[in-house]
Amino acid sequence: MSVTSYTNARTFDFSSYSPTDSVLLSADLPTRFYLRGLSVTVGRDGTANPLVTLTFQDGPGQGGNDGIFRITSGGTLIVNPLCSYIIPDDSYILIDNGLYFWSSSASSNSYPLTVTVFYT
């Protein structure tokens, strides 16, 4: 007998956040869920982005070594990065305290962040 699971996908856009605090991805997501994957796009078409580090984490924090995963550009300007992280079957990450992110640089209308979360 095969096991079938159903995955939800939600997309969130951010045009303004501070690099000093962790940001709740969305109050529309459950507080507790299994994270199955993320897709992240930074910036607008053809615009270089000063993103240095973006860390996703379970619960609030300061983006240290406690994150689920981290996107790093090494301090260089990057143009429209699209990063996807899909978690292998049977290895899903339990989020207990809400999904948060932390960025080492600020966002703006010129450097927006779009995140799609896949979860059950």
PDB file of N, CA and C in Angstrom:
ATOM      1  N   MET A   1       0.835  -1.172   0.000  1.00  0.00           N
ATOM      2  CA  MET A   1       0.000   0.000   0.000  1.00  0.00           C
ATOM      3  C   MET A   1       0.884   1.240   0.000  1.00  0.00           C
ATOM      4  N   SER A   2       0.617   2.165  -0.883  1.00  0.00           N
ATOM      5  CA  SER A   2       1.433   3.372  -0.949  1.00  0.00           C
ATOM      6  C   SER A   2       0.874   4.437  -0.008  1.00  0.00           C
ATOM      7  N   VAL A   3       1.761   5.264   0.462  1.00  0.00           N
ATOM      8  CA  VAL A   3       1.377   6.356   1.340  1.00  0.00           C
ATOM      9  C   VAL A   3       1.328   7.626   0.506  1.00  0.00           C
ATOM     10  N   THR A   4       0.227   8.328   0.591  1.00  0.00           N
ATOM     11  CA  THR A   4       0.071   9.571  -0.146  1.00  0.00           C
ATOM     12  C   THR A   4       0.003  10.719   0.849  1.00  0.00           C
ATOM     13  N   SER A   5       0.784  11.750   0.613  1.00  0.00           N
ATOM     14  CA  SER A   5       0.724  12.926   1.481  1.00  0.00           C
ATOM     15  C   SER A   5       0.337  14.132   0.640  1.00  0.00           C
ATOM     16  N   TYR A   6      -0.259  15.075   1.288  1.00  0.00           N
ATOM     17  CA  TYR A   6      -0.697  16.277   0.604  1.00  0.00           C
ATOM     18  C   TYR A   6       0.095  17.456   1.141  1.00  0.00           C
ATOM     19  N   THR A   7       0.671  18.210   0.245  1.00  0.00           N
ATOM     20  CA  THR A   7       1.504  19.344   0.619  1.00  0.00           C
ATOM     21  C   THR A   7       0.794  20.636   0.264  1.00  0.00           C
ATOM     22  N   ASN A   8       0.817  21.567   1.197  1.00  0.00           N
ATOM     23  CA  ASN A   8       0.298  22.909   0.960  1.00  0.00           C
ATOM     24  C   ASN A   8       1.441  23.788   0.497  1.00  0.00           C
ATOM     25  N   ALA A   9       1.127  24.793  -0.296  1.00  0.00           N
ATOM     26  CA  ALA A   9       2.133  25.766  -0.730  1.00  0.00           C
ATOM     27  C   ALA A   9       1.547  27.157  -0.553  1.00  0.00           C
ATOM     28  N   ARG A  10       2.304  28.028   0.098  1.00  0.00           N
ATOM     29  CA  ARG A  10       1.901  29.411   0.299  1.00  0.00           C
ATOM     30  C   ARG A  10       3.065  30.310  -0.081  1.00  0.00           C
ATOM     31  N   THR A  11       2.776  31.418  -0.753  1.00  0.00           N
ATOM     32  CA  THR A  11       3.799  32.373  -1.163  1.00  0.00           C
ATOM     33  C   THR A  11       3.592  33.687  -0.417  1.00  0.00           C
ATOM     34  N   PHE A  12       4.716  34.235   0.065  1.00  0.00           N
ATOM     35  CA  PHE A  12       4.682  35.477   0.834  1.00  0.00           C
ATOM     36  C   PHE A  12       5.690  36.461   0.242  1.00  0.00           C
ATOM     37  N   ASP A  13       5.281  37.726   0.134  1.00  0.00           N
ATOM     38  CA  ASP A  13       6.140  38.785  -0.403  1.00  0.00           C
ATOM     39  C   ASP A  13       6.475  39.773   0.703  1.00  0.00           C
ATOM     40  N   PHE A  14       7.742  40.194   0.735  1.00  0.00           N
ATOM     41  CA  PHE A  14       8.206  41.170   1.716  1.00  0.00           C
ATOM     42  C   PHE A  14       8.934  42.285   0.991  1.00  0.00           C
ATOM     43  N   SER A  15       8.480  43.522   1.188  1.00  0.00           N
ATOM     44  CA  SER A  15       9.189  44.658   0.603  1.00  0.00           C
ATOM     45  C   SER A  15       9.811  45.525   1.679  1.00  0.00           C
ATOM     46  N   SER A  16       9.579  45.167   2.946  1.00  0.00           N
ATOM     47  CA  SER A  16      10.165  45.952   4.013  1.00  0.00           C
ATOM     48  C   SER A  16      10.332  45.101   5.265  1.00  0.00           C
ATOM     49  N   TYR A  17      11.562  44.986   5.723  1.00  0.00           N
ATOM     50  CA  TYR A  17      11.855  44.358   7.006  1.00  0.00           C
ATOM     51  C   TYR A  17      13.207  44.840   7.478  1.00  0.00           C
ATOM     52  N   SER A  18      13.446  44.688   8.756  1.00  0.00           N
ATOM     53  CA  SER A  18      14.668  45.188   9.377  1.00  0.00           C
ATOM     54  C   SER A  18      15.699  44.077   9.501  1.00  0.00           C
ATOM     55  N   PRO A  19      16.974  44.385   9.331  1.00  0.00           N
ATOM     56  CA  PRO A  19      18.007  43.370   9.499  1.00  0.00           C
ATOM     57  C   PRO A  19      18.368  43.118  10.968  1.00  0.00           C
ATOM     58  N   THR A  20      17.698  43.807  11.885  1.00  0.00           N
ATOM     59  CA  THR A  20      18.067  43.661  13.296  1.00  0.00           C
ATOM     60  C   THR A  20      17.193  42.666  14.048  1.00  0.00           C
ATOM     61  N   ASP A  21      16.068  42.257  13.477  1.00  0.00           N
ATOM     62  CA  ASP A  21      15.144  41.359  14.160  1.00  0.00           C
ATOM     63  C   ASP A  21      14.761  40.195  13.265  1.00  0.00           C
ATOM     64  N   SER A  22      14.380  39.088  13.895  1.00  0.00           N
ATOM     65  CA  SER A  22      13.820  37.994  13.126  1.00  0.00           C
ATOM     66  C   SER A  22      12.383  38.369  12.765  1.00  0.00           C
ATOM     67  N   VAL A  23      11.914  37.868  11.632  1.00  0.00           N
ATOM     68  CA  VAL A  23      10.613  38.230  11.102  1.00  0.00           C
ATOM     69  C   VAL A  23       9.779  36.963  10.964  1.00  0.00           C
ATOM     70  N   LEU A  24       8.557  36.978  11.505  1.00  0.00           N
ATOM     71  CA  LEU A  24       7.640  35.869  11.322  1.00  0.00           C
ATOM     72  C   LEU A  24       7.258  35.823   9.848  1.00  0.00           C
ATOM     73  N   LEU A  25       7.411  34.662   9.229  1.00  0.00           N
ATOM     74  CA  LEU A  25       7.132  34.561   7.796  1.00  0.00           C
ATOM     75  C   LEU A  25       5.678  34.932   7.515  1.00  0.00           C
ATOM     76  N   SER A  26       4.751  34.381   8.297  1.00  0.00           N
ATOM     77  CA  SER A  26       3.353  34.774   8.148  1.00  0.00           C
ATOM     78  C   SER A  26       2.522  34.226   9.295  1.00  0.00           C
ATOM     79  N   ALA A  27       1.597  35.043   9.769  1.00  0.00           N
ATOM     80  CA  ALA A  27       0.654  34.584  10.785  1.00  0.00           C
ATOM     81  C   ALA A  27      -0.382  33.647  10.156  1.00  0.00           C
ATOM     82  N   ASP A  28      -0.437  33.593   8.827  1.00  0.00           N
ATOM     83  CA  ASP A  28      -1.367  32.699   8.136  1.00  0.00           C
ATOM     84  C   ASP A  28      -0.893  31.248   8.145  1.00  0.00           C
ATOM     85  N   LEU A  29       0.401  31.032   8.391  1.00  0.00           N
ATOM     86  CA  LEU A  29       0.911  29.665   8.510  1.00  0.00           C
ATOM     87  C   LEU A  29       0.583  29.134   9.901  1.00  0.00           C
ATOM     88  N   PRO A  30       0.371  27.828  10.020  1.00  0.00           N
ATOM     89  CA  PRO A  30       0.196  27.280  11.376  1.00  0.00           C
ATOM     90  C   PRO A  30       1.464  27.496  12.194  1.00  0.00           C
ATOM     91  N   THR A  31       1.334  27.552  13.506  1.00  0.00           N
ATOM     92  CA  THR A  31       2.496  27.673  14.373  1.00  0.00           C
ATOM     93  C   THR A  31       3.309  26.389  14.352  1.00  0.00           C
ATOM     94  N   ARG A  32       2.615  25.265  14.247  1.00  0.00           N
ATOM     95  CA  ARG A  32       3.262  23.950  14.237  1.00  0.00           C
ATOM     96  C   ARG A  32       2.918  23.240  12.932  1.00  0.00           C
ATOM     97  N   PHE A  33       3.938  22.864  12.158  1.00  0.00           N
ATOM     98  CA  PHE A  33       3.727  22.146  10.903  1.00  0.00           C
ATOM     99  C   PHE A  33       5.024  21.459  10.488  1.00  0.00           C
ATOM    100  N   TYR A  34       4.928  20.605   9.482  1.00  0.00           N
ATOM    101  CA  TYR A  34       6.114  19.964   8.922  1.00  0.00           C
ATOM    102  C   TYR A  34       6.551  20.731   7.679  1.00  0.00           C
ATOM    103  N   LEU A  35       7.754  21.269   7.726  1.00  0.00           N
ATOM    104  CA  LEU A  35       8.327  21.985   6.594  1.00  0.00           C
ATOM    105  C   LEU A  35       8.826  20.968   5.576  1.00  0.00           C
ATOM    106  N   ARG A  36       8.358  21.093   4.335  1.00  0.00           N
ATOM    107  CA  ARG A  36       8.761  20.163   3.280  1.00  0.00           C
ATOM    108  C   ARG A  36       9.673  20.822   2.252  1.00  0.00           C
ATOM    109  N   GLY A  37       9.696  22.134   2.223  1.00  0.00           N
ATOM    110  CA  GLY A  37      10.585  22.815   1.289  1.00  0.00           C
ATOM    111  C   GLY A  37      10.343  24.312   1.266  1.00  0.00           C
ATOM    112  N   LEU A  38      11.310  25.022   0.688  1.00  0.00           N
ATOM    113  CA  LEU A  38      11.238  26.476   0.546  1.00  0.00           C
ATOM    114  C   LEU A  38      11.765  26.869  -0.825  1.00  0.00           C
ATOM    115  N   SER A  39      11.201  27.917  -1.379  1.00  0.00           N
ATOM    116  CA  SER A  39      11.730  28.531  -2.584  1.00  0.00           C
ATOM    117  C   SER A  39      11.835  30.020  -2.301  1.00  0.00           C
ATOM    118  N   VAL A  40      13.001  30.610  -2.554  1.00  0.00           N
ATOM    119  CA  VAL A  40      13.269  31.995  -2.187  1.00  0.00           C
ATOM    120  C   VAL A  40      13.767  32.762  -3.408  1.00  0.00           C
ATOM    121  N   THR A  41      13.170  33.919  -3.655  1.00  0.00           N
ATOM    122  CA  THR A  41      13.639  34.818  -4.707  1.00  0.00           C
ATOM    123  C   THR A  41      13.890  36.177  -4.079  1.00  0.00           C
ATOM    124  N   VAL A  42      15.016  36.776  -4.407  1.00  0.00           N
ATOM    125  CA  VAL A  42      15.378  38.082  -3.857  1.00  0.00           C
ATOM    126  C   VAL A  42      15.503  39.081  -4.992  1.00  0.00           C
ATOM    127  N   GLY A  43      14.876  40.253  -4.849  1.00  0.00           N
ATOM    128  CA  GLY A  43      15.038  41.333  -5.815  1.00  0.00           C
ATOM    129  C   GLY A  43      14.077  41.299  -6.970  1.00  0.00           C
ATOM    130  N   ARG A  44      14.202  42.305  -7.793  1.00  0.00           N
ATOM    131  CA  ARG A  44      13.395  42.440  -9.007  1.00  0.00           C
ATOM    132  C   ARG A  44      14.266  42.099 -10.213  1.00  0.00           C
ATOM    133  N   ASP A  45      13.621  41.926 -11.345  1.00  0.00           N
ATOM    134  CA  ASP A  45      14.345  41.563 -12.564  1.00  0.00           C
ATOM    135  C   ASP A  45      15.487  42.521 -12.852  1.00  0.00           C
ATOM    136  N   GLY A  46      16.673  41.977 -12.984  1.00  0.00           N
ATOM    137  CA  GLY A  46      17.844  42.743 -13.387  1.00  0.00           C
ATOM    138  C   GLY A  46      18.429  43.661 -12.334  1.00  0.00           C
ATOM    139  N   THR A  47      17.945  43.597 -11.105  1.00  0.00           N
ATOM    140  CA  THR A  47      18.446  44.472 -10.053  1.00  0.00           C
ATOM    141  C   THR A  47      19.415  43.715  -9.163  1.00  0.00           C
ATOM    142  N   ALA A  48      20.608  44.236  -8.980  1.00  0.00           N
ATOM    143  CA  ALA A  48      21.569  43.597  -8.087  1.00  0.00           C
ATOM    144  C   ALA A  48      21.104  43.784  -6.648  1.00  0.00           C
ATOM    145  N   ASN A  49      21.327  42.770  -5.823  1.00  0.00           N
ATOM    146  CA  ASN A  49      20.828  42.766  -4.453  1.00  0.00           C
ATOM    147  C   ASN A  49      21.973  42.663  -3.453  1.00  0.00           C
ATOM    148  N   PRO A  50      21.928  43.480  -2.407  1.00  0.00           N
ATOM    149  CA  PRO A  50      23.005  43.459  -1.420  1.00  0.00           C
ATOM    150  C   PRO A  50      22.793  42.421  -0.306  1.00  0.00           C
ATOM    151  N   LEU A  51      22.007  41.371  -0.564  1.00  0.00           N
ATOM    152  CA  LEU A  51      21.764  40.352   0.443  1.00  0.00           C
ATOM    153  C   LEU A  51      23.067  39.649   0.795  1.00  0.00           C
ATOM    154  N   VAL A  52      23.388  39.583   2.054  1.00  0.00           N
ATOM    155  CA  VAL A  52      24.593  38.885   2.492  1.00  0.00           C
ATOM    156  C   VAL A  52      24.230  37.537   3.085  1.00  0.00           C
ATOM    157  N   THR A  53      23.306  37.499   4.038  1.00  0.00           N
ATOM    158  CA  THR A  53      22.879  36.246   4.642  1.00  0.00           C
ATOM    159  C   THR A  53      21.387  36.286   4.925  1.00  0.00           C
ATOM    160  N   LEU A  54      20.696  35.202   4.606  1.00  0.00           N
ATOM    161  CA  LEU A  54      19.287  35.035   4.918  1.00  0.00           C
ATOM    162  C   LEU A  54      19.156  33.689   5.609  1.00  0.00           C
ATOM    163  N   THR A  55      18.645  33.683   6.850  1.00  0.00           N
ATOM    164  CA  THR A  55      18.545  32.464   7.649  1.00  0.00           C
ATOM    165  C   THR A  55      17.092  32.196   8.017  1.00  0.00           C
ATOM    166  N   PHE A  56      16.633  30.974   7.794  1.00  0.00           N
ATOM    167  CA  PHE A  56      15.302  30.558   8.212  1.00  0.00           C
ATOM    168  C   PHE A  56      15.442  29.748   9.487  1.00  0.00           C
ATOM    169  N   GLN A  57      14.503  29.953  10.422  1.00  0.00           N
ATOM    170  CA  GLN A  57      14.639  29.325  11.727  1.00  0.00           C
ATOM    171  C   GLN A  57      13.274  29.002  12.334  1.00  0.00           C
ATOM    172  N   ASP A  58      13.265  28.056  13.268  1.00  0.00           N
ATOM    173  CA  ASP A  58      12.081  27.676  14.022  1.00  0.00           C
ATOM    174  C   ASP A  58      12.006  28.586  15.245  1.00  0.00           C
ATOM    175  N   GLY A  59      11.094  29.540  15.238  1.00  0.00           N
ATOM    176  CA  GLY A  59      10.977  30.490  16.330  1.00  0.00           C
ATOM    177  C   GLY A  59      11.857  31.706  16.110  1.00  0.00           C
ATOM    178  N   PRO A  60      11.643  32.747  16.915  1.00  0.00           N
ATOM    179  CA  PRO A  60      12.437  33.969  16.762  1.00  0.00           C
ATOM    180  C   PRO A  60      13.870  33.773  17.228  1.00  0.00           C
ATOM    181  N   GLY A  61      14.758  34.585  16.723  1.00  0.00           N
ATOM    182  CA  GLY A  61      16.173  34.533  17.084  1.00  0.00           C
ATOM    183  C   GLY A  61      16.929  35.578  16.301  1.00  0.00           C
ATOM    184  N   GLN A  62      18.243  35.487  16.307  1.00  0.00           N
ATOM    185  CA  GLN A  62      19.066  36.476  15.611  1.00  0.00           C
ATOM    186  C   GLN A  62      19.844  35.892  14.444  1.00  0.00           C
ATOM    187  N   GLY A  63      19.411  34.784  13.907  1.00  0.00           N
ATOM    188  CA  GLY A  63      20.034  34.260  12.695  1.00  0.00           C
ATOM    189  C   GLY A  63      21.424  33.710  12.898  1.00  0.00           C
ATOM    190  N   GLY A  64      21.712  33.259  14.097  1.00  0.00           N
ATOM    191  CA  GLY A  64      23.026  32.678  14.357  1.00  0.00           C
ATOM    192  C   GLY A  64      23.141  31.294  13.758  1.00  0.00           C
ATOM    193  N   ASN A  65      23.769  30.389  14.460  1.00  0.00           N
ATOM    194  CA  ASN A  65      23.964  29.039  13.951  1.00  0.00           C
ATOM    195  C   ASN A  65      22.767  28.137  14.192  1.00  0.00           C
ATOM    196  N   ASP A  66      21.654  28.699  14.690  1.00  0.00           N
ATOM    197  CA  ASP A  66      20.496  27.885  15.027  1.00  0.00           C
ATOM    198  C   ASP A  66      19.478  27.785  13.904  1.00  0.00           C
ATOM    199  N   GLY A  67      19.763  28.275  12.734  1.00  0.00           N
ATOM    200  CA  GLY A  67      18.809  28.266  11.643  1.00  0.00           C
ATOM    201  C   GLY A  67      18.628  26.903  11.002  1.00  0.00           C
ATOM    202  N   ILE A  68      17.504  26.766  10.287  1.00  0.00           N
ATOM    203  CA  ILE A  68      17.228  25.540   9.548  1.00  0.00           C
ATOM    204  C   ILE A  68      18.112  25.482   8.313  1.00  0.00           C
ATOM    205  N   PHE A  69      18.160  26.583   7.577  1.00  0.00           N
ATOM    206  CA  PHE A  69      19.125  26.690   6.483  1.00  0.00           C
ATOM    207  C   PHE A  69      19.392  28.155   6.200  1.00  0.00           C
ATOM    208  N   ARG A  70      20.507  28.389   5.513  1.00  0.00           N
ATOM    209  CA  ARG A  70      21.000  29.742   5.293  1.00  0.00           C
ATOM    210  C   ARG A  70      21.374  29.921   3.819  1.00  0.00           C
ATOM    211  N   ILE A  71      21.014  31.094   3.287  1.00  0.00           N
ATOM    212  CA  ILE A  71      21.431  31.499   1.945  1.00  0.00           C
ATOM    213  C   ILE A  71      22.470  32.587   2.136  1.00  0.00           C
ATOM    214  N   THR A  72      23.644  32.445   1.527  1.00  0.00           N
ATOM    215  CA  THR A  72      24.718  33.415   1.688  1.00  0.00           C
ATOM    216  C   THR A  72      25.259  33.820   0.325  1.00  0.00           C
ATOM    217  N   SER A  73      25.406  35.136   0.123  1.00  0.00           N
ATOM    218  CA  SER A  73      25.957  35.611  -1.141  1.00  0.00           C
ATOM    219  C   SER A  73      27.407  36.018  -1.008  1.00  0.00           C
ATOM    220  N   GLY A  74      27.965  35.902   0.179  1.00  0.00           N
ATOM    221  CA  GLY A  74      29.370  36.212   0.385  1.00  0.00           C
ATOM    222  C   GLY A  74      29.716  37.677   0.277  1.00  0.00           C
ATOM    223  N   GLY A  75      28.731  38.545   0.405  1.00  0.00           N
ATOM    224  CA  GLY A  75      28.994  39.979   0.385  1.00  0.00           C
ATOM    225  C   GLY A  75      29.071  40.567  -1.013  1.00  0.00           C
ATOM    226  N   THR A  76      28.827  39.766  -2.045  1.00  0.00           N
ATOM    227  CA  THR A  76      28.842  40.294  -3.405  1.00  0.00           C
ATOM    228  C   THR A  76      27.423  40.632  -3.824  1.00  0.00           C
ATOM    229  N   LEU A  77      27.289  41.419  -4.860  1.00  0.00           N
ATOM    230  CA  LEU A  77      25.963  41.730  -5.373  1.00  0.00           C
ATOM    231  C   LEU A  77      25.500  40.578  -6.253  1.00  0.00           C
ATOM    232  N   ILE A  78      24.268  40.143  -6.030  1.00  0.00           N
ATOM    233  CA  ILE A  78      23.714  39.045  -6.813  1.00  0.00           C
ATOM    234  C   ILE A  78      22.468  39.537  -7.524  1.00  0.00           C
ATOM    235  N   VAL A  79      22.225  39.028  -8.704  1.00  0.00           N
ATOM    236  CA  VAL A  79      21.081  39.453  -9.493  1.00  0.00           C
ATOM    237  C   VAL A  79      20.031  38.354  -9.496  1.00  0.00           C
ATOM    238  N   ASN A  80      18.881  38.638  -8.913  1.00  0.00           N
ATOM    239  CA  ASN A  80      17.733  37.748  -8.881  1.00  0.00           C
ATOM    240  C   ASN A  80      18.051  36.299  -8.529  1.00  0.00           C
ATOM    241  N   PRO A  81      18.599  36.068  -7.369  1.00  0.00           N
ATOM    242  CA  PRO A  81      18.841  34.679  -7.016  1.00  0.00           C
ATOM    243  C   PRO A  81      17.532  33.957  -6.734  1.00  0.00           C
ATOM    244  N   LEU A  82      17.427  32.740  -7.192  1.00  0.00           N
ATOM    245  CA  LEU A  82      16.313  31.869  -6.869  1.00  0.00           C
ATOM    246  C   LEU A  82      16.914  30.648  -6.219  1.00  0.00           C
ATOM    247  N   CYS A  83      16.612  30.437  -4.967  1.00  0.00           N
ATOM    248  CA  CYS A  83      17.152  29.307  -4.225  1.00  0.00           C
ATOM    249  C   CYS A  83      15.995  28.439  -3.784  1.00  0.00           C
ATOM    250  N   SER A  84      16.113  27.139  -4.009  1.00  0.00           N
ATOM    251  CA  SER A  84      15.082  26.215  -3.589  1.00  0.00           C
ATOM    252  C   SER A  84      15.694  25.142  -2.721  1.00  0.00           C
ATOM    253  N   TYR A  85      14.972  24.762  -1.710  1.00  0.00           N
ATOM    254  CA  TYR A  85      15.412  23.726  -0.800  1.00  0.00           C
ATOM    255  C   TYR A  85      14.233  22.791  -0.581  1.00  0.00           C
ATOM    256  N   ILE A  86      14.322  21.581  -1.087  1.00  0.00           N
ATOM    257  CA  ILE A  86      13.275  20.586  -0.911  1.00  0.00           C
ATOM    258  C   ILE A  86      13.805  19.523   0.027  1.00  0.00           C
ATOM    259  N   ILE A  87      13.042  19.205   1.040  1.00  0.00           N
ATOM    260  CA  ILE A  87      13.473  18.243   2.054  1.00  0.00           C
ATOM    261  C   ILE A  87      13.115  16.843   1.581  1.00  0.00           C
ATOM    262  N   PRO A  88      14.054  15.891   1.651  1.00  0.00           N
ATOM    263  CA  PRO A  88      13.789  14.528   1.184  1.00  0.00           C
ATOM    264  C   PRO A  88      12.620  13.893   1.936  1.00  0.00           C
ATOM    265  N   ASP A  89      11.922  12.965   1.254  1.00  0.00           N
ATOM    266  CA  ASP A  89      10.825  12.236   1.892  1.00  0.00           C
ATOM    267  C   ASP A  89      11.263  11.656   3.220  1.00  0.00           C
ATOM    268  N   ASP A  90      10.358  11.651   4.182  1.00  0.00           N
ATOM    269  CA  ASP A  90      10.561  11.097   5.527  1.00  0.00           C
ATOM    270  C   ASP A  90      11.627  11.828   6.338  1.00  0.00           C
ATOM    271  N   SER A  91      12.002  13.034   5.911  1.00  0.00           N
ATOM    272  CA  SER A  91      12.997  13.814   6.660  1.00  0.00           C
ATOM    273  C   SER A  91      12.480  15.221   6.920  1.00  0.00           C
ATOM    274  N   TYR A  92      11.190  15.396   6.956  1.00  0.00           N
ATOM    275  CA  TYR A  92      10.610  16.716   7.087  1.00  0.00           C
ATOM    276  C   TYR A  92      10.981  17.347   8.419  1.00  0.00           C
ATOM    277  N   ILE A  93      11.040  18.666   8.430  1.00  0.00           N
ATOM    278  CA  ILE A  93      11.445  19.403   9.629  1.00  0.00           C
ATOM    279  C   ILE A  93      10.197  19.876  10.365  1.00  0.00           C
ATOM    280  N   LEU A  94      10.077  19.498  11.623  1.00  0.00           N
ATOM    281  CA  LEU A  94       8.950  19.935  12.440  1.00  0.00           C
ATOM    282  C   LEU A  94       9.209  21.365  12.918  1.00  0.00           C
ATOM    283  N   ILE A  95       8.299  22.252  12.571  1.00  0.00           N
ATOM    284  CA  ILE A  95       8.354  23.638  13.039  1.00  0.00           C
ATOM    285  C   ILE A  95       7.376  23.742  14.208  1.00  0.00           C
ATOM    286  N   ASP A  96       7.885  24.055  15.398  1.00  0.00           N
ATOM    287  CA  ASP A  96       7.062  24.118  16.608  1.00  0.00           C
ATOM    288  C   ASP A  96       6.692  25.536  17.025  1.00  0.00           C
ATOM    289  N   ASN A  97       7.492  26.507  16.644  1.00  0.00           N
ATOM    290  CA  ASN A  97       7.338  27.869  17.163  1.00  0.00           C
ATOM    291  C   ASN A  97       7.116  28.908  16.077  1.00  0.00           C
ATOM    292  N   GLY A  98       6.651  28.495  14.927  1.00  0.00           N
ATOM    293  CA  GLY A  98       6.465  29.412  13.819  1.00  0.00           C
ATOM    294  C   GLY A  98       7.734  29.528  12.991  1.00  0.00           C
ATOM    295  N   LEU A  99       7.596  29.732  11.687  1.00  0.00           N
ATOM    296  CA  LEU A  99       8.740  29.865  10.790  1.00  0.00           C
ATOM    297  C   LEU A  99       9.123  31.336  10.691  1.00  0.00           C
ATOM    298  N   TYR A 100      10.359  31.636  11.068  1.00  0.00           N
ATOM    299  CA  TYR A 100      10.891  33.001  11.054  1.00  0.00           C
ATOM    300  C   TYR A 100      12.076  33.065  10.092  1.00  0.00           C
ATOM    301  N   PHE A 101      12.409  34.276   9.664  1.00  0.00           N
ATOM    302  CA  PHE A 101      13.651  34.472   8.924  1.00  0.00           C
ATOM    303  C   PHE A 101      14.365  35.686   9.475  1.00  0.00           C
ATOM    304  N   TRP A 102      15.654  35.733   9.228  1.00  0.00           N
ATOM    305  CA  TRP A 102      16.506  36.838   9.635  1.00  0.00           C
ATOM    306  C   TRP A 102      17.419  37.153   8.460  1.00  0.00           C
ATOM    307  N   SER A 103      17.599  38.434   8.185  1.00  0.00           N
ATOM    308  CA  SER A 103      18.468  38.859   7.101  1.00  0.00           C
ATOM    309  C   SER A 103      19.530  39.803   7.645  1.00  0.00           C
ATOM    310  N   SER A 104      20.728  39.713   7.092  1.00  0.00           N
ATOM    311  CA  SER A 104      21.792  40.604   7.535  1.00  0.00           C
ATOM    312  C   SER A 104      21.739  41.952   6.831  1.00  0.00           C
ATOM    313  N   SER A 105      20.806  42.115   5.885  1.00  0.00           N
ATOM    314  CA  SER A 105      20.635  43.415   5.232  1.00  0.00           C
ATOM    315  C   SER A 105      19.149  43.731   5.135  1.00  0.00           C
ATOM    316  N   ALA A 106      18.810  44.999   5.035  1.00  0.00           N
ATOM    317  CA  ALA A 106      17.407  45.416   4.990  1.00  0.00           C
ATOM    318  C   ALA A 106      16.811  45.170   3.614  1.00  0.00           C
ATOM    319  N   SER A 107      15.510  45.064   3.589  1.00  0.00           N
ATOM    320  CA  SER A 107      14.783  44.929   2.335  1.00  0.00           C
ATOM    321  C   SER A 107      14.143  46.270   2.007  1.00  0.00           C
ATOM    322  N   SER A 108      13.756  46.425   0.751  1.00  0.00           N
ATOM    323  CA  SER A 108      13.068  47.639   0.329  1.00  0.00           C
ATOM    324  C   SER A 108      12.239  47.284  -0.899  1.00  0.00           C
ATOM    325  N   ASN A 109      11.556  48.268  -1.464  1.00  0.00           N
ATOM    326  CA  ASN A 109      10.807  48.013  -2.691  1.00  0.00           C
ATOM    327  C   ASN A 109      11.724  47.599  -3.831  1.00  0.00           C
ATOM    328  N   SER A 110      12.975  48.063  -3.802  1.00  0.00           N
ATOM    329  CA  SER A 110      13.936  47.688  -4.842  1.00  0.00           C
ATOM    330  C   SER A 110      14.508  46.290  -4.630  1.00  0.00           C
ATOM    331  N   TYR A 111      14.516  45.841  -3.377  1.00  0.00           N
ATOM    332  CA  TYR A 111      15.101  44.543  -3.035  1.00  0.00           C
ATOM    333  C   TYR A 111      14.096  43.696  -2.254  1.00  0.00           C
ATOM    334  N   PRO A 112      12.975  43.345  -2.873  1.00  0.00           N
ATOM    335  CA  PRO A 112      11.978  42.568  -2.147  1.00  0.00           C
ATOM    336  C   PRO A 112      12.392  41.099  -2.001  1.00  0.00           C
ATOM    337  N   LEU A 113      11.702  40.424  -1.132  1.00  0.00           N
ATOM    338  CA  LEU A 113      11.945  39.011  -0.878  1.00  0.00           C
ATOM    339  C   LEU A 113      10.633  38.272  -1.093  1.00  0.00           C
ATOM    340  N   THR A 114      10.653  37.188  -1.868  1.00  0.00           N
ATOM    341  CA  THR A 114       9.490  36.337  -2.066  1.00  0.00           C
ATOM    342  C   THR A 114       9.845  34.939  -1.605  1.00  0.00           C
ATOM    343  N   VAL A 115       9.015  34.371  -0.731  1.00  0.00           N
ATOM    344  CA  VAL A 115       9.263  33.040  -0.182  1.00  0.00           C
ATOM    345  C   VAL A 115       8.031  32.180  -0.398  1.00  0.00           C
ATOM    346  N   THR A 116       8.224  31.002  -0.977  1.00  0.00           N
ATOM    347  CA  THR A 116       7.164  30.010  -1.079  1.00  0.00           C
ATOM    348  C   THR A 116       7.506  28.882  -0.112  1.00  0.00           C
ATOM    349  N   VAL A 117       6.542  28.554   0.739  1.00  0.00           N
ATOM    350  CA  VAL A 117       6.730  27.512   1.757  1.00  0.00           C
ATOM    351  C   VAL A 117       5.874  26.310   1.368  1.00  0.00           C
ATOM    352  N   PHE A 118       6.480  25.135   1.384  1.00  0.00           N
ATOM    353  CA  PHE A 118       5.775  23.880   1.150  1.00  0.00           C
ATOM    354  C   PHE A 118       5.697  23.162   2.491  1.00  0.00           C
ATOM    355  N   TYR A 119       4.477  22.799   2.918  1.00  0.00           N
ATOM    356  CA  TYR A 119       4.322  22.249   4.264  1.00  0.00           C
ATOM    357  C   TYR A 119       3.098  21.333   4.357  1.00  0.00           C
ATOM    358  N   THR A 120       3.070  20.540   5.408  1.00  0.00           N
ATOM    359  CA  THR A 120       1.880  19.738   5.750  1.00  0.00           C
ATOM    360  C   THR A 120       1.605  19.908   7.219  1.00  0.00           C
TER     361      THR A 120
END
